[in-house]
Amino acid sequence: VFIPTGEGTGELVQPGLPRALSVEEIKEIVQLYA
């Protein structure tokens, strides 16, 4: 993934460890798509 390191500069790094979404959060993201 590409993260910013300064104004107009960035670097490629490995993604971070994610957390699992709850069912309630999944439903919220569905509505964010809408």
Full PDB file with SEQRES, HELIX, SHEET, SSBOND, CRYST1, ORIGX, SCALE, CONECT and MASTER records, all heavy atoms in Angstrom:
SEQRES   1 A   34  VAL PHE ILE PRO THR GLY GLU GLY THR GLY GLU LEU VAL          
SEQRES   2 A   34  GLN PRO GLY LEU PRO ARG ALA LEU SER VAL GLU GLU ILE          
SEQRES   3 A   34  LYS GLU ILE VAL GLN LEU TYR ALA                              
HELIX    1 AA1 VAL A   23  TYR A   33  1                                  11    
SHEET    1 AA1 2 PHE A   2  GLY A   6  0                                        
SHEET    2 AA1 2 THR A   9  LEU A  12 -1                                        
CRYST1    1.000    1.000    1.000  90.00  90.00  90.00 P 1           1          
ORIGX1      1.000000  0.000000  0.000000        0.00000                         
ORIGX2      0.000000  1.000000  0.000000        0.00000                         
ORIGX3      0.000000  0.000000  1.000000        0.00000                         
SCALE1      1.000000  0.000000  0.000000        0.00000                         
SCALE2      0.000000  1.000000  0.000000        0.00000                         
SCALE3      0.000000  0.000000  1.000000        0.00000                         
ATOM      1  N   VAL A   1       0.861  -1.181   0.000  1.00  0.00           N  
ATOM      2  CA  VAL A   1       0.000   0.000   0.000  1.00  0.00           C  
ATOM      3  C   VAL A   1       0.898   1.232   0.000  1.00  0.00           C  
ATOM      4  O   VAL A   1       2.084   1.152   0.324  1.00  0.00           O  
ATOM      5  CB  VAL A   1      -0.967   0.004   1.201  1.00  0.00           C  
ATOM      6  CG1 VAL A   1      -1.933  -1.155   1.097  1.00  0.00           C  
ATOM      7  CG2 VAL A   1      -0.207  -0.052   2.522  1.00  0.00           C  
ATOM      8  N   PHE A   2       0.328   2.367  -0.374  1.00  0.00           N  
ATOM      9  CA  PHE A   2       1.118   3.576  -0.564  1.00  0.00           C  
ATOM     10  C   PHE A   2       0.725   4.599   0.488  1.00  0.00           C  
ATOM     11  O   PHE A   2      -0.405   5.082   0.493  1.00  0.00           O  
ATOM     12  CB  PHE A   2       0.877   4.128  -1.976  1.00  0.00           C  
ATOM     13  CG  PHE A   2       1.806   5.230  -2.366  1.00  0.00           C  
ATOM     14  CD1 PHE A   2       3.157   4.999  -2.538  1.00  0.00           C  
ATOM     15  CD2 PHE A   2       1.315   6.510  -2.575  1.00  0.00           C  
ATOM     16  CE1 PHE A   2       4.021   6.020  -2.916  1.00  0.00           C  
ATOM     17  CE2 PHE A   2       2.163   7.542  -2.962  1.00  0.00           C  
ATOM     18  CZ  PHE A   2       3.523   7.287  -3.125  1.00  0.00           C  
ATOM     19  N   ILE A   3       1.648   4.896   1.405  1.00  0.00           N  
ATOM     20  CA  ILE A   3       1.345   5.833   2.479  1.00  0.00           C  
ATOM     21  C   ILE A   3       2.093   7.146   2.250  1.00  0.00           C  
ATOM     22  O   ILE A   3       3.196   7.162   1.697  1.00  0.00           O  
ATOM     23  CB  ILE A   3       1.701   5.252   3.864  1.00  0.00           C  
ATOM     24  CG1 ILE A   3       3.213   5.047   4.006  1.00  0.00           C  
ATOM     25  CG2 ILE A   3       0.947   3.942   4.105  1.00  0.00           C  
ATOM     26  CD1 ILE A   3       3.647   4.700   5.426  1.00  0.00           C  
ATOM     27  N   PRO A   4       1.504   8.267   2.683  1.00  0.00           N  
ATOM     28  CA  PRO A   4       2.202   9.546   2.528  1.00  0.00           C  
ATOM     29  C   PRO A   4       3.309   9.675   3.568  1.00  0.00           C  
ATOM     30  O   PRO A   4       3.154   9.265   4.720  1.00  0.00           O  
ATOM     31  CB  PRO A   4       1.096  10.572   2.765  1.00  0.00           C  
ATOM     32  CG  PRO A   4       0.105   9.880   3.641  1.00  0.00           C  
ATOM     33  CD  PRO A   4       0.159   8.425   3.267  1.00  0.00           C  
ATOM     34  N   THR A   5       4.438  10.245   3.161  1.00  0.00           N  
ATOM     35  CA  THR A   5       5.546  10.497   4.084  1.00  0.00           C  
ATOM     36  C   THR A   5       5.847  11.988   4.195  1.00  0.00           C  
ATOM     37  O   THR A   5       6.682  12.396   4.991  1.00  0.00           O  
ATOM     38  CB  THR A   5       6.810   9.757   3.624  1.00  0.00           C  
ATOM     39  OG1 THR A   5       7.117  10.145   2.279  1.00  0.00           O  
ATOM     40  CG2 THR A   5       6.596   8.249   3.675  1.00  0.00           C  
ATOM     41  N   GLY A   6       5.190  12.778   3.393  1.00  0.00           N  
ATOM     42  CA  GLY A   6       5.378  14.220   3.396  1.00  0.00           C  
ATOM     43  C   GLY A   6       4.520  14.822   2.315  1.00  0.00           C  
ATOM     44  O   GLY A   6       3.748  14.125   1.650  1.00  0.00           O  
ATOM     45  N   GLU A   7       4.623  16.120   2.108  1.00  0.00           N  
ATOM     46  CA  GLU A   7       3.819  16.774   1.086  1.00  0.00           C  
ATOM     47  C   GLU A   7       4.284  16.324  -0.297  1.00  0.00           C  
ATOM     48  O   GLU A   7       5.409  16.621  -0.718  1.00  0.00           O  
ATOM     49  CB  GLU A   7       3.935  18.296   1.207  1.00  0.00           C  
ATOM     50  CG  GLU A   7       2.994  19.025   0.264  1.00  0.00           C  
ATOM     51  CD  GLU A   7       2.963  20.526   0.516  1.00  0.00           C  
ATOM     52  OE1 GLU A   7       3.459  20.965   1.568  1.00  0.00           O  
ATOM     53  OE2 GLU A   7       2.447  21.234  -0.362  1.00  0.00           O  
ATOM     54  N   GLY A   8       3.439  15.552  -0.980  1.00  0.00           N  
ATOM     55  CA  GLY A   8       3.773  15.066  -2.314  1.00  0.00           C  
ATOM     56  C   GLY A   8       4.729  13.904  -2.340  1.00  0.00           C  
ATOM     57  O   GLY A   8       5.175  13.493  -3.413  1.00  0.00           O  
ATOM     58  N   THR A   9       5.062  13.332  -1.196  1.00  0.00           N  
ATOM     59  CA  THR A   9       5.981  12.195  -1.154  1.00  0.00           C  
ATOM     60  C   THR A   9       5.330  11.037  -0.392  1.00  0.00           C  
ATOM     61  O   THR A   9       4.513  11.246   0.509  1.00  0.00           O  
ATOM     62  CB  THR A   9       7.308  12.549  -0.469  1.00  0.00           C  
ATOM     63  OG1 THR A   9       7.056  12.927   0.892  1.00  0.00           O  
ATOM     64  CG2 THR A   9       8.009  13.679  -1.198  1.00  0.00           C  
ATOM     65  N   GLY A  10       5.713   9.820  -0.758  1.00  0.00           N  
ATOM     66  CA  GLY A  10       5.165   8.651  -0.084  1.00  0.00           C  
ATOM     67  C   GLY A  10       6.026   7.441  -0.335  1.00  0.00           C  
ATOM     68  O   GLY A  10       7.040   7.504  -1.035  1.00  0.00           O  
ATOM     69  N   GLU A  11       5.621   6.314   0.246  1.00  0.00           N  
ATOM     70  CA  GLU A  11       6.371   5.076   0.058  1.00  0.00           C  
ATOM     71  C   GLU A  11       5.436   3.876   0.103  1.00  0.00           C  
ATOM     72  O   GLU A  11       4.358   3.927   0.713  1.00  0.00           O  
ATOM     73  CB  GLU A  11       7.463   4.927   1.120  1.00  0.00           C  
ATOM     74  CG  GLU A  11       6.935   4.783   2.540  1.00  0.00           C  
ATOM     75  CD  GLU A  11       8.039   4.544   3.550  1.00  0.00           C  
ATOM     76  OE1 GLU A  11       9.150   4.169   3.127  1.00  0.00           O  
ATOM     77  OE2 GLU A  11       7.787   4.719   4.761  1.00  0.00           O  
ATOM     78  N   LEU A  12       5.856   2.794  -0.554  1.00  0.00           N  
ATOM     79  CA  LEU A  12       5.117   1.541  -0.530  1.00  0.00           C  
ATOM     80  C   LEU A  12       5.505   0.748   0.706  1.00  0.00           C  
ATOM     81  O   LEU A  12       6.690   0.573   1.005  1.00  0.00           O  
ATOM     82  CB  LEU A  12       5.420   0.721  -1.792  1.00  0.00           C  
ATOM     83  CG  LEU A  12       4.849   1.264  -3.099  1.00  0.00           C  
ATOM     84  CD1 LEU A  12       5.480   0.562  -4.287  1.00  0.00           C  
ATOM     85  CD2 LEU A  12       3.331   1.095  -3.130  1.00  0.00           C  
ATOM     86  N   VAL A  13       4.496   0.265   1.438  1.00  0.00           N  
ATOM     87  CA  VAL A  13       4.739  -0.516   2.651  1.00  0.00           C  
ATOM     88  C   VAL A  13       3.769  -1.694   2.689  1.00  0.00           C  
ATOM     89  O   VAL A  13       2.771  -1.718   1.976  1.00  0.00           O  
ATOM     90  CB  VAL A  13       4.559   0.332   3.930  1.00  0.00           C  
ATOM     91  CG1 VAL A  13       5.560   1.484   3.970  1.00  0.00           C  
ATOM     92  CG2 VAL A  13       3.123   0.855   4.040  1.00  0.00           C  
ATOM     93  N   GLN A  14       4.059  -2.652   3.560  1.00  0.00           N  
ATOM     94  CA  GLN A  14       3.165  -3.796   3.733  1.00  0.00           C  
ATOM     95  C   GLN A  14       1.927  -3.372   4.510  1.00  0.00           C  
ATOM     96  O   GLN A  14       2.010  -2.562   5.435  1.00  0.00           O  
ATOM     97  CB  GLN A  14       3.886  -4.917   4.483  1.00  0.00           C  
ATOM     98  CG  GLN A  14       3.074  -6.201   4.580  1.00  0.00           C  
ATOM     99  CD  GLN A  14       3.898  -7.365   5.119  1.00  0.00           C  
ATOM    100  OE1 GLN A  14       5.083  -7.432   4.889  1.00  0.00           O  
ATOM    101  NE2 GLN A  14       3.239  -8.255   5.831  1.00  0.00           N  
ATOM    102  N   PRO A  15       0.769  -3.893   4.152  1.00  0.00           N  
ATOM    103  CA  PRO A  15      -0.446  -3.541   4.890  1.00  0.00           C  
ATOM    104  C   PRO A  15      -0.359  -3.925   6.363  1.00  0.00           C  
ATOM    105  O   PRO A  15       0.395  -4.828   6.744  1.00  0.00           O  
ATOM    106  CB  PRO A  15      -1.542  -4.344   4.185  1.00  0.00           C  
ATOM    107  CG  PRO A  15      -1.001  -4.639   2.824  1.00  0.00           C  
ATOM    108  CD  PRO A  15       0.479  -4.779   3.009  1.00  0.00           C  
ATOM    109  N   GLY A  16      -1.152  -3.246   7.168  1.00  0.00           N  
ATOM    110  CA  GLY A  16      -1.206  -3.556   8.586  1.00  0.00           C  
ATOM    111  C   GLY A  16      -2.127  -4.729   8.876  1.00  0.00           C  
ATOM    112  O   GLY A  16      -2.906  -5.162   8.020  1.00  0.00           O  
ATOM    113  N   LEU A  17      -2.020  -5.264  10.074  1.00  0.00           N  
ATOM    114  CA  LEU A  17      -2.907  -6.352  10.509  1.00  0.00           C  
ATOM    115  C   LEU A  17      -4.305  -5.789  10.718  1.00  0.00           C  
ATOM    116  O   LEU A  17      -4.490  -4.857  11.491  1.00  0.00           O  
ATOM    117  CB  LEU A  17      -2.388  -6.977  11.800  1.00  0.00           C  
ATOM    118  CG  LEU A  17      -3.252  -8.104  12.387  1.00  0.00           C  
ATOM    119  CD1 LEU A  17      -3.214  -9.326  11.484  1.00  0.00           C  
ATOM    120  CD2 LEU A  17      -2.788  -8.462  13.798  1.00  0.00           C  
ATOM    121  N   PRO A  18      -5.320  -6.342  10.022  1.00  0.00           N  
ATOM    122  CA  PRO A  18      -6.669  -5.799  10.168  1.00  0.00           C  
ATOM    123  C   PRO A  18      -7.397  -6.410  11.365  1.00  0.00           C  
ATOM    124  O   PRO A  18      -6.962  -7.403  11.944  1.00  0.00           O  
ATOM    125  CB  PRO A  18      -7.346  -6.245   8.870  1.00  0.00           C  
ATOM    126  CG  PRO A  18      -6.713  -7.579   8.591  1.00  0.00           C  
ATOM    127  CD  PRO A  18      -5.274  -7.443   9.039  1.00  0.00           C  
ATOM    128  N   ARG A  19      -8.522  -5.783  11.702  1.00  0.00           N  
ATOM    129  CA  ARG A  19      -9.429  -6.371  12.684  1.00  0.00           C  
ATOM    130  C   ARG A  19     -10.701  -6.805  11.965  1.00  0.00           C  
ATOM    131  O   ARG A  19     -11.080  -6.231  10.942  1.00  0.00           O  
ATOM    132  CB  ARG A  19      -9.750  -5.394  13.806  1.00  0.00           C  
ATOM    133  CG  ARG A  19     -10.565  -4.193  13.371  1.00  0.00           C  
ATOM    134  CD  ARG A  19     -11.051  -3.368  14.557  1.00  0.00           C  
ATOM    135  NE  ARG A  19     -11.850  -2.226  14.116  1.00  0.00           N  
ATOM    136  CZ  ARG A  19     -13.142  -2.287  13.841  1.00  0.00           C  
ATOM    137  NH1 ARG A  19     -13.812  -3.439  13.934  1.00  0.00           N  
ATOM    138  NH2 ARG A  19     -13.809  -1.210  13.455  1.00  0.00           N  
ATOM    139  N   ALA A  20     -11.342  -7.825  12.511  1.00  0.00           N  
ATOM    140  CA  ALA A  20     -12.566  -8.342  11.893  1.00  0.00           C  
ATOM    141  C   ALA A  20     -13.746  -7.424  12.196  1.00  0.00           C  
ATOM    142  O   ALA A  20     -13.919  -6.954  13.331  1.00  0.00           O  
ATOM    143  CB  ALA A  20     -12.853  -9.748  12.407  1.00  0.00           C  
ATOM    144  N   LEU A  21     -14.554  -7.186  11.180  1.00  0.00           N  
ATOM    145  CA  LEU A  21     -15.759  -6.375  11.331  1.00  0.00           C  
ATOM    146  C   LEU A  21     -16.841  -7.142  12.079  1.00  0.00           C  
ATOM    147  O   LEU A  21     -17.007  -8.355  11.899  1.00  0.00           O  
ATOM    148  CB  LEU A  21     -16.295  -5.975   9.959  1.00  0.00           C  
ATOM    149  CG  LEU A  21     -15.480  -4.955   9.170  1.00  0.00           C  
ATOM    150  CD1 LEU A  21     -15.814  -5.045   7.688  1.00  0.00           C  
ATOM    151  CD2 LEU A  21     -15.745  -3.544   9.703  1.00  0.00           C  
ATOM    152  N   SER A  22     -17.614  -6.426  12.888  1.00  0.00           N  
ATOM    153  CA  SER A  22     -18.797  -7.018  13.494  1.00  0.00           C  
ATOM    154  C   SER A  22     -19.925  -7.047  12.474  1.00  0.00           C  
ATOM    155  O   SER A  22     -19.871  -6.342  11.447  1.00  0.00           O  
ATOM    156  CB  SER A  22     -19.239  -6.205  14.720  1.00  0.00           C  
ATOM    157  OG  SER A  22     -19.735  -4.930  14.306  1.00  0.00           O  
ATOM    158  N   VAL A  23     -20.953  -7.835  12.724  1.00  0.00           N  
ATOM    159  CA  VAL A  23     -22.103  -7.881  11.815  1.00  0.00           C  
ATOM    160  C   VAL A  23     -22.747  -6.500  11.704  1.00  0.00           C  
ATOM    161  O   VAL A  23     -23.127  -6.058  10.610  1.00  0.00           O  
ATOM    162  CB  VAL A  23     -23.123  -8.937  12.286  1.00  0.00           C  
ATOM    163  CG1 VAL A  23     -24.433  -8.811  11.501  1.00  0.00           C  
ATOM    164  CG2 VAL A  23     -22.550 -10.340  12.139  1.00  0.00           C  
ATOM    165  N   GLU A  24     -22.842  -5.794  12.829  1.00  0.00           N  
ATOM    166  CA  GLU A  24     -23.422  -4.454  12.803  1.00  0.00           C  
ATOM    167  C   GLU A  24     -22.598  -3.524  11.910  1.00  0.00           C  
ATOM    168  O   GLU A  24     -23.157  -2.746  11.116  1.00  0.00           O  
ATOM    169  CB  GLU A  24     -23.494  -3.891  14.225  1.00  0.00           C  
ATOM    170  CG  GLU A  24     -24.120  -2.503  14.289  1.00  0.00           C  
ATOM    171  CD  GLU A  24     -24.173  -1.957  15.711  1.00  0.00           C  
ATOM    172  OE1 GLU A  24     -23.594  -2.576  16.613  1.00  0.00           O  
ATOM    173  OE2 GLU A  24     -24.811  -0.898  15.904  1.00  0.00           O  
ATOM    174  N   GLU A  25     -21.284  -3.614  11.986  1.00  0.00           N  
ATOM    175  CA  GLU A  25     -20.428  -2.776  11.145  1.00  0.00           C  
ATOM    176  C   GLU A  25     -20.564  -3.139   9.666  1.00  0.00           C  
ATOM    177  O   GLU A  25     -20.520  -2.265   8.790  1.00  0.00           O  
ATOM    178  CB  GLU A  25     -18.974  -2.918  11.576  1.00  0.00           C  
ATOM    179  CG  GLU A  25     -18.654  -2.246  12.910  1.00  0.00           C  
ATOM    180  CD  GLU A  25     -17.220  -2.506  13.332  1.00  0.00           C  
ATOM    181  OE1 GLU A  25     -16.788  -3.679  13.286  1.00  0.00           O  
ATOM    182  OE2 GLU A  25     -16.529  -1.539  13.699  1.00  0.00           O  
ATOM    183  N   ILE A  26     -20.722  -4.424   9.386  1.00  0.00           N  
ATOM    184  CA  ILE A  26     -20.916  -4.853   7.991  1.00  0.00           C  
ATOM    185  C   ILE A  26     -22.172  -4.208   7.417  1.00  0.00           C  
ATOM    186  O   ILE A  26     -22.165  -3.681   6.294  1.00  0.00           O  
ATOM    187  CB  ILE A  26     -20.995  -6.388   7.911  1.00  0.00           C  
ATOM    188  CG1 ILE A  26     -19.644  -7.016   8.261  1.00  0.00           C  
ATOM    189  CG2 ILE A  26     -21.440  -6.835   6.518  1.00  0.00           C  
ATOM    190  CD1 ILE A  26     -19.692  -8.523   8.439  1.00  0.00           C  
ATOM    191  N   LYS A  27     -23.250  -4.239   8.181  1.00  0.00           N  
ATOM    192  CA  LYS A  27     -24.504  -3.626   7.726  1.00  0.00           C  
ATOM    193  C   LYS A  27     -24.318  -2.125   7.485  1.00  0.00           C  
ATOM    194  O   LYS A  27     -24.880  -1.561   6.533  1.00  0.00           O  
ATOM    195  CB  LYS A  27     -25.604  -3.846   8.759  1.00  0.00           C  
ATOM    196  CG  LYS A  27     -25.885  -5.294   9.106  1.00  0.00           C  
ATOM    197  CD  LYS A  27     -26.582  -6.025   7.990  1.00  0.00           C  
ATOM    198  CE  LYS A  27     -27.026  -7.424   8.430  1.00  0.00           C  
ATOM    199  NZ  LYS A  27     -27.604  -8.199   7.309  1.00  0.00           N  
ATOM    200  N   GLU A  28     -23.510  -1.483   8.341  1.00  0.00           N  
ATOM    201  CA  GLU A  28     -23.261  -0.049   8.180  1.00  0.00           C  
ATOM    202  C   GLU A  28     -22.484   0.231   6.893  1.00  0.00           C  
ATOM    203  O   GLU A  28     -22.770   1.202   6.189  1.00  0.00           O  
ATOM    204  CB  GLU A  28     -22.490   0.491   9.395  1.00  0.00           C  
ATOM    205  CG  GLU A  28     -23.318   0.533  10.671  1.00  0.00           C  
ATOM    206  CD  GLU A  28     -22.478   0.821  11.904  1.00  0.00           C  
ATOM    207  OE1 GLU A  28     -21.222   0.842  11.789  1.00  0.00           O  
ATOM    208  OE2 GLU A  28     -23.065   1.015  12.989  1.00  0.00           O  
ATOM    209  N   ILE A  29     -21.506  -0.621   6.576  1.00  0.00           N  
ATOM    210  CA  ILE A  29     -20.728  -0.417   5.363  1.00  0.00           C  
ATOM    211  C   ILE A  29     -21.592  -0.621   4.120  1.00  0.00           C  
ATOM    212  O   ILE A  29     -21.445   0.093   3.121  1.00  0.00           O  
ATOM    213  CB  ILE A  29     -19.482  -1.334   5.354  1.00  0.00           C  
ATOM    214  CG1 ILE A  29     -18.488  -0.862   6.419  1.00  0.00           C  
ATOM    215  CG2 ILE A  29     -18.815  -1.336   3.980  1.00  0.00           C  
ATOM    216  CD1 ILE A  29     -17.264  -1.745   6.561  1.00  0.00           C  
ATOM    217  N   VAL A  30     -22.511  -1.573   4.172  1.00  0.00           N  
ATOM    218  CA  VAL A  30     -23.453  -1.756   3.059  1.00  0.00           C  
ATOM    219  C   VAL A  30     -24.185  -0.445   2.787  1.00  0.00           C  
ATOM    220  O   VAL A  30     -24.323  -0.014   1.628  1.00  0.00           O  
ATOM    221  CB  VAL A  30     -24.444  -2.891   3.371  1.00  0.00           C  
ATOM    222  CG1 VAL A  30     -25.600  -2.884   2.367  1.00  0.00           C  
ATOM    223  CG2 VAL A  30     -23.743  -4.245   3.364  1.00  0.00           C  
ATOM    224  N   GLN A  31     -24.633   0.212   3.836  1.00  0.00           N  
ATOM    225  CA  GLN A  31     -25.348   1.474   3.660  1.00  0.00           C  
ATOM    226  C   GLN A  31     -24.421   2.598   3.205  1.00  0.00           C  
ATOM    227  O   GLN A  31     -24.857   3.515   2.500  1.00  0.00           O  
ATOM    228  CB  GLN A  31     -26.069   1.859   4.961  1.00  0.00           C  
ATOM    229  CG  GLN A  31     -27.216   0.926   5.310  1.00  0.00           C  
ATOM    230  CD  GLN A  31     -28.183   0.744   4.141  1.00  0.00           C  
ATOM    231  OE1 GLN A  31     -28.629   1.722   3.524  1.00  0.00           O  
ATOM    232  NE2 GLN A  31     -28.514  -0.507   3.822  1.00  0.00           N  
ATOM    233  N   LEU A  32     -23.141   2.528   3.572  1.00  0.00           N  
ATOM    234  CA  LEU A  32     -22.175   3.513   3.078  1.00  0.00           C  
ATOM    235  C   LEU A  32     -22.009   3.405   1.568  1.00  0.00           C  
ATOM    236  O   LEU A  32     -21.809   4.416   0.881  1.00  0.00           O  
ATOM    237  CB  LEU A  32     -20.830   3.337   3.780  1.00  0.00           C  
ATOM    238  CG  LEU A  32     -20.772   3.756   5.247  1.00  0.00           C  
ATOM    239  CD1 LEU A  32     -19.416   3.401   5.850  1.00  0.00           C  
ATOM    240  CD2 LEU A  32     -21.044   5.256   5.401  1.00  0.00           C  
ATOM    241  N   TYR A  33     -22.083   2.178   1.034  1.00  0.00           N  
ATOM    242  CA  TYR A  33     -22.056   2.006  -0.427  1.00  0.00           C  
ATOM    243  C   TYR A  33     -23.270   2.682  -1.061  1.00  0.00           C  
ATOM    244  O   TYR A  33     -23.144   3.351  -2.105  1.00  0.00           O  
ATOM    245  CB  TYR A  33     -22.041   0.524  -0.798  1.00  0.00           C  
ATOM    246  CG  TYR A  33     -20.664  -0.096  -0.869  1.00  0.00           C  
ATOM    247  CD1 TYR A  33     -20.131  -0.787   0.213  1.00  0.00           C  
ATOM    248  CD2 TYR A  33     -19.897  -0.014  -2.035  1.00  0.00           C  
ATOM    249  CE1 TYR A  33     -18.864  -1.376   0.150  1.00  0.00           C  
ATOM    250  CE2 TYR A  33     -18.644  -0.594  -2.108  1.00  0.00           C  
ATOM    251  CZ  TYR A  33     -18.130  -1.270  -1.019  1.00  0.00           C  
ATOM    252  OH  TYR A  33     -16.888  -1.832  -1.090  1.00  0.00           O  
ATOM    253  N   ALA A  34     -24.431   2.511  -0.468  1.00  0.00           N  
ATOM    254  CA  ALA A  34     -25.641   3.130  -1.017  1.00  0.00           C  
ATOM    255  C   ALA A  34     -25.544   4.648  -0.968  1.00  0.00           C  
ATOM    256  O   ALA A  34     -25.922   5.342  -1.930  1.00  0.00           O  
ATOM    257  CB  ALA A  34     -26.872   2.642  -0.250  1.00  0.00           C  
TER     258      ALA A  34                                                      
MASTER        0    0    0    1    2    0    0    6  257    1    0    3          
END                                                                             
